[in-house]
Amino acid sequence: MPQDQQPAMAEHSQPDSDLHEQMQIRLNKLRALSAGGQDPFAEVAWPVTHHSQEIISQFDSLEGQQAWLAGRIMSKRGMGKVSFCDLADEQGRIQLFTKIDALGDAAYAEWQKLDIGDLVGVTGEVFRTQRGEISIKTAAYTLLAKSLRPLPEKYHGLKDTDTRYRQRYLDLIVNPEVKDTFRKRSLIIRTLRNELEAQNFIEVETPMLNAIPGGAAARPFVTHHNALDIDLYLRIAPELYLKRLIVGGFERVYEIGRQFRNEGLSIKHNPEFTLLEAYQAYTDYQGMMTLTETLIAAAARAVHGSTVITWQGKTIDLTPPFRRLTMRQAILEQTGIDFAAVADDEAARTLAREHHLEAFKPGMLRGDIMNLFFEEACEATLVQPTFITDYPIEVSPLTKRKPGKPGLTERFELFIDGREYANAYSELNDPIDQRGRFAAQLKKREAGDEEANLLDEDFCTALEYGMPPTGGLGMGIDRLVMLLTDSASIRDVLLFPTMKPLR
């Protein structure tokens, strides 16, 4: 058959004059329709009874039946009394077979004038062509919306990632496989919710506008409330509010929501991102390890039917239990340095200088430097899922101390292929100790650390009423989706990632 008679050209691969010319042709068609009393935007509904893949998968039972479909014309073939086109809907594509005898001369002539990208409603019989392709024999159609811009040319598609992220709607139209990533994202979040609900957690909502940004070490976004005439912060984490609910008597709570951190952009970072935080009374960080394994394994099975997946060419086994390794052990394995033998802050600083740690600053304490050694020497080596436990107190201001281990806390982070996926604590519930930790954080801020925690007086007051022993978990949803969809960049799993304005 002849090639498409109305090839669409990519906006970014042709001169503006060509684009304007093609748009002008489409505008002229729109004016002609209006002059003839037809408004291609007047239809308010179309009674869809079937979708493309439903018809294809259930052809044996649907053959010969009438179906009502709606979607976008993606290609056109044929200029005589018979023509073919591909109709794209949410599920995929199906061929439309259209004859002048079925529509009549006038309707068929108008059908031939339609452009690639136009949205139409079609009714017709489900059948199989002589070449064996399941199709719809068009009996009637309605133009539901006129496309005034040409789609990218079909042989080259939309490949430029910047355009794909900025114009996600166009990406979804011409790269249908992208929809699959976001269907999987929805499935992952639904699976996490179902698993948590099955374990008697209840979903709650906490404020996104905070008077004090807390629960994480990060720079916040600042906004202003006009009526109260005060500055507020977009939340960097929901932790302190969720723990208030544990104080109030809820034993298992969680929230899945957007967080905002005024930080840089990378393939792993976006200023707004989705975080799961869960808190359970009467357990500890060991209980949170079990919960983390359970959630990730359930999500992997939902997406892949297995806990063994492929990530960027590597086989990753997400079958519980995951490996457990203390931070001290990890550093010892990779560097030969045993931080149990590092006596004080000055000894740690000497080690940092000797090993030329990139992020080292002269005022850092022993625990800060221990954490730096782990980040620079160990993280990249952790390919299979590994819980790194027993973090220094200096980098864990909200975490309970580890009994018998001065300077360490009951905290873990989960690493897979060198990336952090979860962070969890045995939550600090001693109000006096918590005030002291906040005071230490304030000293860091005074020394220039803009990411150090601020004092949250109301949270300290809540702890003074008594919070039971509690385990808390934070898990990055975007990174989990990246892992389970084999997506290299966080922008591939965000429908609308943050982008620098073009002008």
Protein backbone atom coordinates (compact mmCIF):
# COMPACT_ATOMS: atom_id res chain seq x y z
CA MET A 1 0.00 0.00 0.00
CA PRO A 2 1.16 3.62 -0.48
CA GLN A 3 2.87 5.42 2.36
CA ASP A 4 0.98 7.90 4.54
CA GLN A 5 -0.50 10.64 2.44
CA GLN A 6 -0.25 13.25 5.17
CA PRO A 7 3.11 12.78 6.89
CA ALA A 8 3.51 14.91 9.99
CA MET A 9 6.86 16.58 10.65
CA ALA A 10 8.59 17.04 13.99
CA GLU A 11 8.42 20.59 15.29
CA HIS A 12 12.06 20.56 16.35
CA SER A 13 13.43 19.09 13.11
CA GLN A 14 12.05 21.56 10.57
CA PRO A 15 12.20 25.28 9.90
CA ASP A 16 9.54 27.43 11.57
CA SER A 17 8.22 28.32 8.12
CA ASP A 18 7.38 24.64 7.42
CA LEU A 19 5.65 24.29 10.76
CA HIS A 20 3.64 27.47 10.27
CA GLU A 21 2.68 26.34 6.77
CA GLN A 22 1.36 23.00 8.01
CA MET A 23 -0.51 24.68 10.85
CA GLN A 24 -2.00 27.16 8.40
CA ILE A 25 -3.29 24.28 6.26
CA ARG A 26 -4.97 22.79 9.31
CA LEU A 27 -6.41 26.14 10.34
CA ASN A 28 -7.86 26.53 6.85
CA LYS A 29 -9.53 23.13 7.21
CA LEU A 30 -10.96 24.23 10.55
CA ARG A 31 -12.35 27.41 8.99
CA ALA A 32 -13.86 25.41 6.14
CA LEU A 33 -15.61 23.12 8.62
CA SER A 34 -16.94 26.11 10.54
CA ALA A 35 -18.15 27.75 7.34
CA GLY A 36 -20.04 24.55 6.54
CA GLY A 37 -21.76 24.59 9.91
CA GLN A 38 -19.52 21.95 11.56
CA ASP A 39 -17.78 22.65 14.85
CA PRO A 40 -15.11 19.98 15.50
CA PHE A 41 -15.05 20.93 19.18
CA ALA A 42 -18.81 20.83 19.76
CA GLU A 43 -19.15 17.15 20.74
CA VAL A 44 -19.38 16.73 24.49
CA ALA A 45 -19.33 12.93 24.73
CA TRP A 46 -18.82 9.75 22.75
CA PRO A 47 -20.25 6.41 23.97
CA VAL A 48 -17.07 4.30 24.00
CA THR A 49 -17.90 0.60 24.35
CA HIS A 50 -14.52 -0.96 23.57
CA HIS A 51 -10.80 -0.17 23.46
CA SER A 52 -8.19 -1.33 20.97
CA GLN A 53 -6.42 -4.07 22.92
CA GLU A 54 -9.68 -5.33 24.37
CA ILE A 55 -10.94 -5.94 20.83
CA ILE A 56 -7.70 -7.59 19.74
CA SER A 57 -7.46 -9.86 22.80
CA GLN A 58 -11.17 -10.82 22.69
CA PHE A 59 -11.54 -10.99 18.91
CA ASP A 60 -13.06 -14.48 18.85
CA SER A 61 -16.05 -13.35 20.91
CA LEU A 62 -16.32 -9.86 19.36
CA GLU A 63 -15.98 -10.72 15.65
CA GLY A 64 -18.94 -9.39 13.70
CA GLN A 65 -20.16 -7.17 16.54
CA GLN A 66 -20.50 -3.39 16.47
CA ALA A 67 -18.01 -1.43 18.55
CA TRP A 68 -17.78 2.23 19.49
CA LEU A 69 -14.22 3.57 19.86
CA ALA A 70 -12.56 6.94 20.24
CA GLY A 71 -8.97 7.99 19.79
CA ARG A 72 -6.35 9.77 17.76
CA ILE A 73 -5.51 9.14 14.09
CA MET A 74 -1.84 8.15 13.95
CA SER A 75 -1.41 7.22 10.30
CA LYS A 76 -3.39 7.25 7.03
CA ARG A 77 -3.04 5.03 3.96
CA GLY A 78 -4.97 4.90 0.71
CA MET A 79 -6.45 7.61 -1.48
CA GLY A 80 -9.03 5.74 -3.55
CA LYS A 81 -12.37 4.30 -2.54
CA VAL A 82 -10.78 2.34 0.29
CA SER A 83 -8.49 3.71 2.99
CA PHE A 84 -6.84 2.57 6.18
CA CYS A 85 -5.72 4.39 9.29
CA ASP A 86 -4.37 3.52 12.73
CA LEU A 87 -6.43 4.73 15.68
CA ALA A 88 -4.62 5.13 19.02
CA ASP A 89 -6.50 5.02 22.30
CA GLU A 90 -5.40 4.53 25.90
CA GLN A 91 -4.69 0.83 25.41
CA GLY A 92 -2.83 0.90 22.10
CA ARG A 93 -3.68 0.97 18.40
CA ILE A 94 -6.13 -0.69 16.05
CA GLN A 95 -6.60 -0.40 12.28
CA LEU A 96 -9.68 1.28 10.80
CA PHE A 97 -10.87 0.06 7.39
CA THR A 98 -12.98 2.67 5.62
CA LYS A 99 -14.84 2.38 2.29
CA ILE A 100 -16.67 5.02 0.31
CA ASP A 101 -19.59 2.59 -0.12
CA ALA A 102 -20.09 2.40 3.66
CA LEU A 103 -19.86 6.12 4.42
CA GLY A 104 -21.23 7.69 1.25
CA ASP A 105 -19.47 10.13 -1.04
CA ALA A 106 -19.74 13.27 1.13
CA ALA A 107 -18.77 11.68 4.46
CA TYR A 108 -15.91 9.75 2.84
CA ALA A 109 -14.57 12.95 1.26
CA GLU A 110 -14.55 14.61 4.68
CA TRP A 111 -12.90 11.51 6.17
CA GLN A 112 -10.07 11.84 3.66
CA LYS A 113 -9.48 15.42 4.74
CA LEU A 114 -8.76 14.43 8.35
CA ASP A 115 -5.20 14.96 9.59
CA ILE A 116 -2.87 12.79 11.59
CA GLY A 117 -3.44 13.80 15.19
CA ASP A 118 -7.16 14.47 14.84
CA LEU A 119 -9.38 12.89 17.50
CA VAL A 120 -12.35 10.93 16.19
CA GLY A 121 -15.16 8.76 17.45
CA VAL A 122 -15.83 5.69 15.28
CA THR A 123 -18.45 2.97 15.19
CA GLY A 124 -18.13 -0.13 13.08
CA GLU A 125 -17.93 -3.90 12.80
CA VAL A 126 -15.08 -5.92 14.31
CA PHE A 127 -13.51 -8.07 11.57
CA ARG A 128 -10.24 -9.43 10.22
CA THR A 129 -8.83 -8.22 6.89
CA GLN A 130 -7.65 -10.53 4.10
CA ARG A 131 -4.12 -9.96 5.37
CA GLY A 132 -5.19 -11.18 8.80
CA GLU A 133 -5.16 -7.87 10.71
CA ILE A 134 -7.91 -7.34 13.28
CA SER A 135 -9.66 -4.12 12.31
CA ILE A 136 -12.81 -2.03 12.54
CA LYS A 137 -14.95 -1.66 9.41
CA THR A 138 -15.98 1.99 9.74
CA ALA A 139 -19.73 2.55 9.53
CA ALA A 140 -19.85 6.10 10.91
CA TYR A 141 -17.52 8.60 12.52
CA THR A 142 -17.48 11.99 14.23
CA LEU A 143 -14.60 14.46 14.44
CA LEU A 144 -14.22 15.09 18.19
CA ALA A 145 -11.30 17.54 18.16
CA LYS A 146 -9.13 19.02 15.43
CA SER A 147 -5.35 18.82 15.88
CA LEU A 148 -3.86 22.14 14.79
CA ARG A 149 -0.22 21.10 15.27
CA PRO A 150 1.46 18.26 13.35
CA LEU A 151 2.85 15.35 15.35
CA PRO A 152 6.52 14.37 15.09
CA GLU A 153 7.35 12.48 11.90
CA LYS A 154 6.58 8.79 12.38
CA TYR A 155 9.94 7.36 11.30
CA HIS A 156 11.97 9.40 13.77
CA GLY A 157 9.43 10.03 16.50
CA LEU A 158 10.17 12.17 19.52
CA LYS A 159 13.67 11.28 20.72
CA ASP A 160 14.96 14.52 22.23
CA THR A 161 14.73 13.99 25.99
CA ASP A 162 14.41 17.68 26.81
CA THR A 163 11.35 17.98 24.58
CA ARG A 164 9.94 14.72 25.93
CA TYR A 165 10.12 15.98 29.52
CA ARG A 166 8.84 19.48 28.73
CA GLN A 167 5.99 18.27 26.52
CA ARG A 168 5.06 15.04 28.27
CA TYR A 169 1.66 15.05 26.55
CA LEU A 170 3.45 14.80 23.20
CA ASP A 171 5.78 12.11 24.54
CA LEU A 172 2.77 10.03 25.62
CA ILE A 173 1.10 10.43 22.22
CA VAL A 174 4.00 9.35 20.04
CA ASN A 175 5.93 7.06 22.44
CA PRO A 176 3.16 4.79 23.77
CA GLU A 177 5.65 2.63 25.71
CA VAL A 178 6.10 5.60 28.08
CA LYS A 179 2.55 5.04 29.33
CA ASP A 180 3.63 1.62 30.55
CA THR A 181 6.16 3.18 32.93
CA PHE A 182 3.49 5.31 34.54
CA ARG A 183 1.00 2.46 34.71
CA LYS A 184 3.68 0.55 36.60
CA ARG A 185 4.25 3.56 38.86
CA SER A 186 0.57 3.56 39.74
CA LEU A 187 0.69 -0.21 40.35
CA ILE A 188 3.72 0.15 42.64
CA ILE A 189 2.06 2.82 44.78
CA ARG A 190 -1.17 0.84 44.92
CA THR A 191 0.75 -2.26 45.99
CA LEU A 192 2.53 -0.37 48.77
CA ARG A 193 -0.78 0.97 50.02
CA ASN A 194 -2.42 -2.44 49.93
CA GLU A 195 0.47 -4.04 51.82
CA LEU A 196 0.46 -1.36 54.50
CA GLU A 197 -3.32 -1.52 54.88
CA ALA A 198 -3.07 -5.31 55.22
CA GLN A 199 -0.71 -4.71 58.15
CA ASN A 200 -3.25 -2.35 59.80
CA PHE A 201 -1.52 0.91 58.95
CA ILE A 202 -3.86 3.82 58.30
CA GLU A 203 -3.15 6.49 55.71
CA VAL A 204 -3.13 10.08 56.98
CA GLU A 205 -2.39 13.54 55.62
CA THR A 206 -0.13 16.11 57.24
CA PRO A 207 0.57 19.77 56.36
CA MET A 208 2.63 20.69 53.32
CA LEU A 209 3.03 24.26 54.58
CA ASN A 210 5.20 24.20 57.69
CA ALA A 211 6.19 26.96 60.10
CA ILE A 212 9.38 25.00 60.80
CA PRO A 213 10.90 22.68 58.19
CA GLY A 214 11.82 19.48 59.99
CA GLY A 215 12.28 15.74 59.71
CA ALA A 216 15.26 15.82 57.34
CA ALA A 217 18.50 17.62 56.57
CA ALA A 218 17.64 19.74 53.52
CA ARG A 219 17.20 23.31 52.32
CA PRO A 220 13.50 24.20 52.13
CA PHE A 221 11.52 26.33 49.71
CA VAL A 222 10.17 29.48 51.35
CA THR A 223 6.80 31.07 50.67
CA HIS A 224 4.74 33.79 52.34
CA HIS A 225 1.26 33.66 53.83
CA ASN A 226 -0.33 37.04 53.21
CA ALA A 227 -3.17 36.91 55.75
CA LEU A 228 -0.92 35.84 58.63
CA ASP A 229 2.03 37.85 57.27
CA ILE A 230 4.48 35.04 58.03
CA ASP A 231 6.95 33.01 56.03
CA LEU A 232 6.15 29.33 55.64
CA TYR A 233 8.15 26.44 54.22
CA LEU A 234 7.15 23.70 51.83
CA ARG A 235 7.68 20.52 53.80
CA ILE A 236 10.90 18.59 53.43
CA ALA A 237 9.46 15.55 55.26
CA PRO A 238 6.26 14.66 57.16
CA GLU A 239 8.16 12.90 59.98
CA LEU A 240 7.55 15.19 62.93
CA TYR A 241 3.80 15.41 62.29
CA LEU A 242 3.46 11.65 61.88
CA LYS A 243 5.25 11.07 65.18
CA ARG A 244 2.87 13.52 66.84
CA LEU A 245 0.11 11.11 65.78
CA ILE A 246 1.94 8.24 67.48
CA VAL A 247 2.02 10.38 70.64
CA GLY A 248 -1.73 10.91 70.18
CA GLY A 249 -2.46 7.18 70.22
CA PHE A 250 -2.37 5.99 66.62
CA GLU A 251 -0.12 2.93 66.52
CA ARG A 252 0.46 2.51 62.77
CA VAL A 253 0.31 5.47 60.37
CA TYR A 254 1.71 6.23 56.94
CA GLU A 255 1.64 8.95 54.32
CA ILE A 256 2.54 8.90 50.63
CA GLY A 257 3.00 12.43 49.40
CA ARG A 258 5.05 15.15 47.78
CA GLN A 259 8.07 16.61 49.54
CA PHE A 260 10.02 19.70 48.46
CA ARG A 261 13.75 20.29 48.81
CA ASN A 262 15.55 23.31 47.43
CA GLU A 263 18.47 21.36 46.04
CA GLY A 264 20.14 20.61 42.73
CA LEU A 265 18.88 18.56 39.81
CA SER A 266 20.38 15.25 38.73
CA ILE A 267 19.36 11.88 37.35
CA LYS A 268 18.56 10.95 40.97
CA HIS A 269 17.15 14.22 42.30
CA ASN A 270 14.13 16.41 41.56
CA PRO A 271 13.14 19.37 43.80
CA GLU A 272 9.72 17.81 44.39
CA PHE A 273 9.48 14.10 44.87
CA THR A 274 7.22 11.42 46.35
CA LEU A 275 8.04 9.87 49.70
CA LEU A 276 6.48 7.08 51.74
CA GLU A 277 6.85 7.51 55.48
CA ALA A 278 5.47 4.93 57.92
CA TYR A 279 5.58 4.82 61.73
CA GLN A 280 4.76 1.86 63.97
CA ALA A 281 4.54 1.98 67.75
CA TYR A 282 6.15 -0.72 69.89
CA THR A 283 8.72 -1.77 67.31
CA ASP A 284 12.21 -0.61 66.32
CA TYR A 285 14.50 -0.31 63.31
CA GLN A 286 14.72 -4.09 63.07
CA GLY A 287 10.95 -4.19 62.57
CA MET A 288 11.30 -1.49 59.93
CA MET A 289 13.84 -3.65 58.04
CA THR A 290 11.28 -6.42 57.81
CA LEU A 291 8.61 -3.96 56.67
CA THR A 292 10.95 -2.47 54.04
CA GLU A 293 11.82 -5.89 52.61
CA THR A 294 8.16 -6.86 52.50
CA LEU A 295 7.08 -3.68 50.69
CA ILE A 296 9.84 -3.80 48.06
CA ALA A 297 9.40 -7.51 47.37
CA ALA A 298 5.63 -7.07 47.00
CA ALA A 299 6.12 -4.19 44.53
CA ALA A 300 8.64 -6.24 42.51
CA ARG A 301 6.25 -9.19 42.29
CA ALA A 302 3.40 -6.89 41.24
CA VAL A 303 5.44 -5.44 38.37
CA HIS A 304 7.59 -8.40 37.31
CA GLY A 305 5.98 -11.46 38.86
CA SER A 306 9.35 -12.10 40.52
CA THR A 307 11.73 -10.63 43.08
CA VAL A 308 14.68 -11.06 40.70
CA ILE A 309 14.88 -8.13 38.29
CA THR A 310 17.23 -6.53 35.79
CA TRP A 311 18.43 -3.01 36.52
CA GLN A 312 20.73 -1.26 34.01
CA GLY A 313 22.12 -4.58 32.83
CA LYS A 314 22.62 -5.99 36.33
CA THR A 315 20.64 -8.78 37.95
CA ILE A 316 19.27 -7.59 41.29
CA ASP A 317 17.76 -10.07 43.76
CA LEU A 318 15.08 -8.41 45.89
CA THR A 319 14.17 -11.60 47.72
CA PRO A 320 14.06 -11.09 51.52
CA PRO A 321 15.99 -11.12 53.73
CA PHE A 322 18.40 -8.43 52.51
CA ARG A 323 22.03 -8.33 53.65
CA ARG A 324 22.71 -6.46 56.89
CA LEU A 325 26.02 -4.66 57.48
CA THR A 326 27.03 -2.03 60.03
CA MET A 327 28.59 1.19 58.77
CA ARG A 328 31.73 0.34 60.73
CA GLN A 329 31.96 -3.08 59.01
CA ALA A 330 31.42 -1.56 55.56
CA ILE A 331 34.21 0.99 56.06
CA LEU A 332 36.54 -1.65 57.46
CA GLU A 333 35.92 -3.91 54.44
CA GLN A 334 36.66 -1.19 51.90
CA THR A 335 39.39 0.86 53.59
CA GLY A 336 40.88 -1.20 56.41
CA ILE A 337 40.00 1.60 58.84
CA ASP A 338 38.22 0.52 62.02
CA PHE A 339 36.35 3.47 63.46
CA ALA A 340 36.08 1.66 66.78
CA ALA A 341 39.77 2.51 67.10
CA VAL A 342 39.36 6.19 66.12
CA ALA A 343 39.46 7.82 69.53
CA ASP A 344 38.18 11.34 68.99
CA ASP A 345 37.27 14.15 66.60
CA GLU A 346 40.86 15.20 65.93
CA ALA A 347 41.94 11.64 65.11
CA ALA A 348 39.05 11.41 62.64
CA ARG A 349 40.03 14.74 61.04
CA THR A 350 43.58 13.50 60.61
CA LEU A 351 42.28 10.40 58.81
CA ALA A 352 40.07 12.55 56.58
CA ARG A 353 43.03 14.69 55.53
CA GLU A 354 45.23 11.65 54.91
CA HIS A 355 42.60 10.06 52.67
CA HIS A 356 41.71 13.35 50.91
CA LEU A 357 37.96 13.08 51.47
CA GLU A 358 36.34 15.47 49.01
CA ALA A 359 33.50 16.67 51.26
CA PHE A 360 35.61 17.05 54.40
CA LYS A 361 35.36 20.34 56.30
CA PRO A 362 37.70 21.28 59.18
CA GLY A 363 34.94 21.60 61.80
CA MET A 364 33.48 18.15 61.24
CA LEU A 365 33.10 15.75 64.16
CA ARG A 366 34.09 12.08 64.34
CA GLY A 367 30.63 10.82 63.35
CA ASP A 368 30.38 13.23 60.40
CA ILE A 369 33.73 11.96 59.12
CA MET A 370 32.77 8.32 59.62
CA ASN A 371 29.71 8.97 57.48
CA LEU A 372 31.89 10.65 54.83
CA PHE A 373 34.18 7.62 54.66
CA PHE A 374 31.14 5.44 54.08
CA GLU A 375 29.70 7.70 51.38
CA GLU A 376 32.93 8.07 49.44
CA ALA A 377 34.41 4.57 49.84
CA CYS A 378 31.48 2.19 50.34
CA GLU A 379 28.18 3.26 48.78
CA ALA A 380 29.14 2.48 45.19
CA THR A 381 30.18 -1.07 46.16
CA LEU A 382 26.73 -2.05 47.45
CA VAL A 383 25.07 -3.63 44.40
CA GLN A 384 22.70 -6.18 45.94
CA PRO A 385 20.17 -4.89 48.52
CA THR A 386 22.05 -4.10 51.73
CA PHE A 387 20.89 -2.54 54.99
CA ILE A 388 23.66 -0.35 56.39
CA THR A 389 23.05 -0.02 60.13
CA ASP A 390 24.30 1.79 63.25
CA TYR A 391 24.83 5.35 62.02
CA PRO A 392 26.76 7.96 64.04
CA ILE A 393 24.69 10.21 66.27
CA GLU A 394 26.05 13.36 64.56
CA VAL A 395 24.14 12.56 61.35
CA SER A 396 21.04 11.09 63.06
CA PRO A 397 19.44 13.84 65.17
CA LEU A 398 16.04 12.12 65.43
CA THR A 399 17.25 8.59 66.17
CA LYS A 400 17.43 6.58 69.40
CA ARG A 401 20.91 5.80 70.72
CA LYS A 402 22.16 2.23 70.35
CA PRO A 403 22.48 0.62 73.80
CA GLY A 404 26.08 -0.18 74.69
CA LYS A 405 27.43 1.64 71.62
CA PRO A 406 28.33 5.24 72.53
CA GLY A 407 28.04 7.60 69.61
CA LEU A 408 25.92 5.24 67.48
CA THR A 409 22.19 5.11 66.77
CA GLU A 410 19.62 2.52 65.80
CA ARG A 411 19.29 3.61 62.20
CA PHE A 412 19.61 1.97 58.80
CA GLU A 413 19.65 3.00 55.18
CA LEU A 414 18.94 0.60 52.32
CA PHE A 415 21.32 0.66 49.36
CA ILE A 416 20.88 -1.02 45.97
CA ASP A 417 23.51 -0.56 43.28
CA GLY A 418 25.07 2.32 45.16
CA ARG A 419 21.84 4.28 45.67
CA GLU A 420 19.90 4.93 48.85
CA TYR A 421 16.29 3.69 48.73
CA ALA A 422 15.12 3.86 52.34
CA ASN A 423 16.05 5.43 55.67
CA ALA A 424 14.69 4.21 58.99
CA TYR A 425 15.15 4.63 62.74
CA SER A 426 14.28 3.45 66.14
CA GLU A 427 12.71 6.83 66.80
CA LEU A 428 14.10 9.02 69.55
CA ASN A 429 11.40 9.39 72.20
CA ASP A 430 13.44 10.94 75.03
CA PRO A 431 12.37 14.63 75.06
CA ILE A 432 15.47 15.76 76.98
CA ASP A 433 17.82 14.00 74.58
CA GLN A 434 15.83 15.37 71.63
CA ARG A 435 16.25 18.94 72.83
CA GLY A 436 19.98 18.33 73.14
CA ARG A 437 20.12 16.96 69.58
CA PHE A 438 18.25 20.00 68.26
CA ALA A 439 20.69 22.25 70.12
CA ALA A 440 23.60 20.49 68.40
CA GLN A 441 21.88 20.97 65.05
CA LEU A 442 21.42 24.68 65.73
CA LYS A 443 25.16 24.97 66.32
CA LYS A 444 25.71 23.42 62.90
CA ARG A 445 23.39 26.01 61.37
CA GLU A 446 25.27 28.80 63.12
CA ALA A 447 28.46 27.36 61.62
CA GLY A 448 26.96 27.66 58.14
CA ASP A 449 25.17 24.32 57.59
CA GLU A 450 21.91 25.42 55.92
CA GLU A 451 20.57 21.85 55.95
CA ALA A 452 20.82 21.32 59.72
CA ASN A 453 17.56 20.86 61.63
CA LEU A 454 15.77 23.73 63.34
CA LEU A 455 14.32 23.45 66.84
CA ASP A 456 10.66 22.41 66.71
CA GLU A 457 9.35 23.45 70.12
CA ASP A 458 5.89 21.95 69.67
CA PHE A 459 7.37 18.58 68.67
CA CYS A 460 9.48 18.58 71.83
CA THR A 461 6.36 19.42 73.82
CA ALA A 462 4.58 16.46 72.22
CA LEU A 463 7.42 14.14 73.25
CA GLU A 464 7.12 15.41 76.82
CA TYR A 465 3.66 13.84 76.96
CA GLY A 466 5.28 10.52 76.10
CA MET A 467 5.80 8.67 72.81
CA PRO A 468 6.00 4.87 72.87
CA PRO A 469 8.99 3.06 71.39
CA THR A 470 8.50 3.50 67.66
CA GLY A 471 10.03 2.42 64.40
CA GLY A 472 9.95 4.86 61.48
CA LEU A 473 10.61 4.39 57.78
CA GLY A 474 11.09 6.74 54.85
CA MET A 475 11.24 5.31 51.31
CA GLY A 476 11.69 7.23 48.07
CA ILE A 477 8.91 6.23 45.67
CA ASP A 478 10.55 7.73 42.58
CA ARG A 479 13.76 5.77 43.01
CA LEU A 480 11.81 2.57 43.65
CA VAL A 481 9.88 3.15 40.42
CA MET A 482 13.17 3.77 38.60
CA LEU A 483 14.50 0.46 39.90
CA LEU A 484 11.41 -1.57 39.01
CA THR A 485 10.99 -0.02 35.54
CA ASP A 486 14.72 0.00 34.68
CA SER A 487 14.65 3.78 34.19
CA ALA A 488 18.04 5.52 34.30
CA SER A 489 16.78 9.01 35.18
CA ILE A 490 14.26 10.23 37.74
CA ARG A 491 12.78 12.37 34.97
CA ASP A 492 11.68 9.19 33.20
CA VAL A 493 9.37 8.30 36.11
CA LEU A 494 7.95 11.79 36.80
CA LEU A 495 5.19 12.87 34.48
CA PHE A 496 6.19 16.52 34.80
CA PRO A 497 9.76 16.88 36.12
CA THR A 498 11.14 20.27 37.10
CA MET A 499 12.82 21.94 34.11
CA LYS A 500 14.70 25.17 33.65
CA PRO A 501 12.53 27.62 31.69
CA LEU A 502 13.52 28.04 28.05
CA ARG A 503 13.27 31.81 28.36
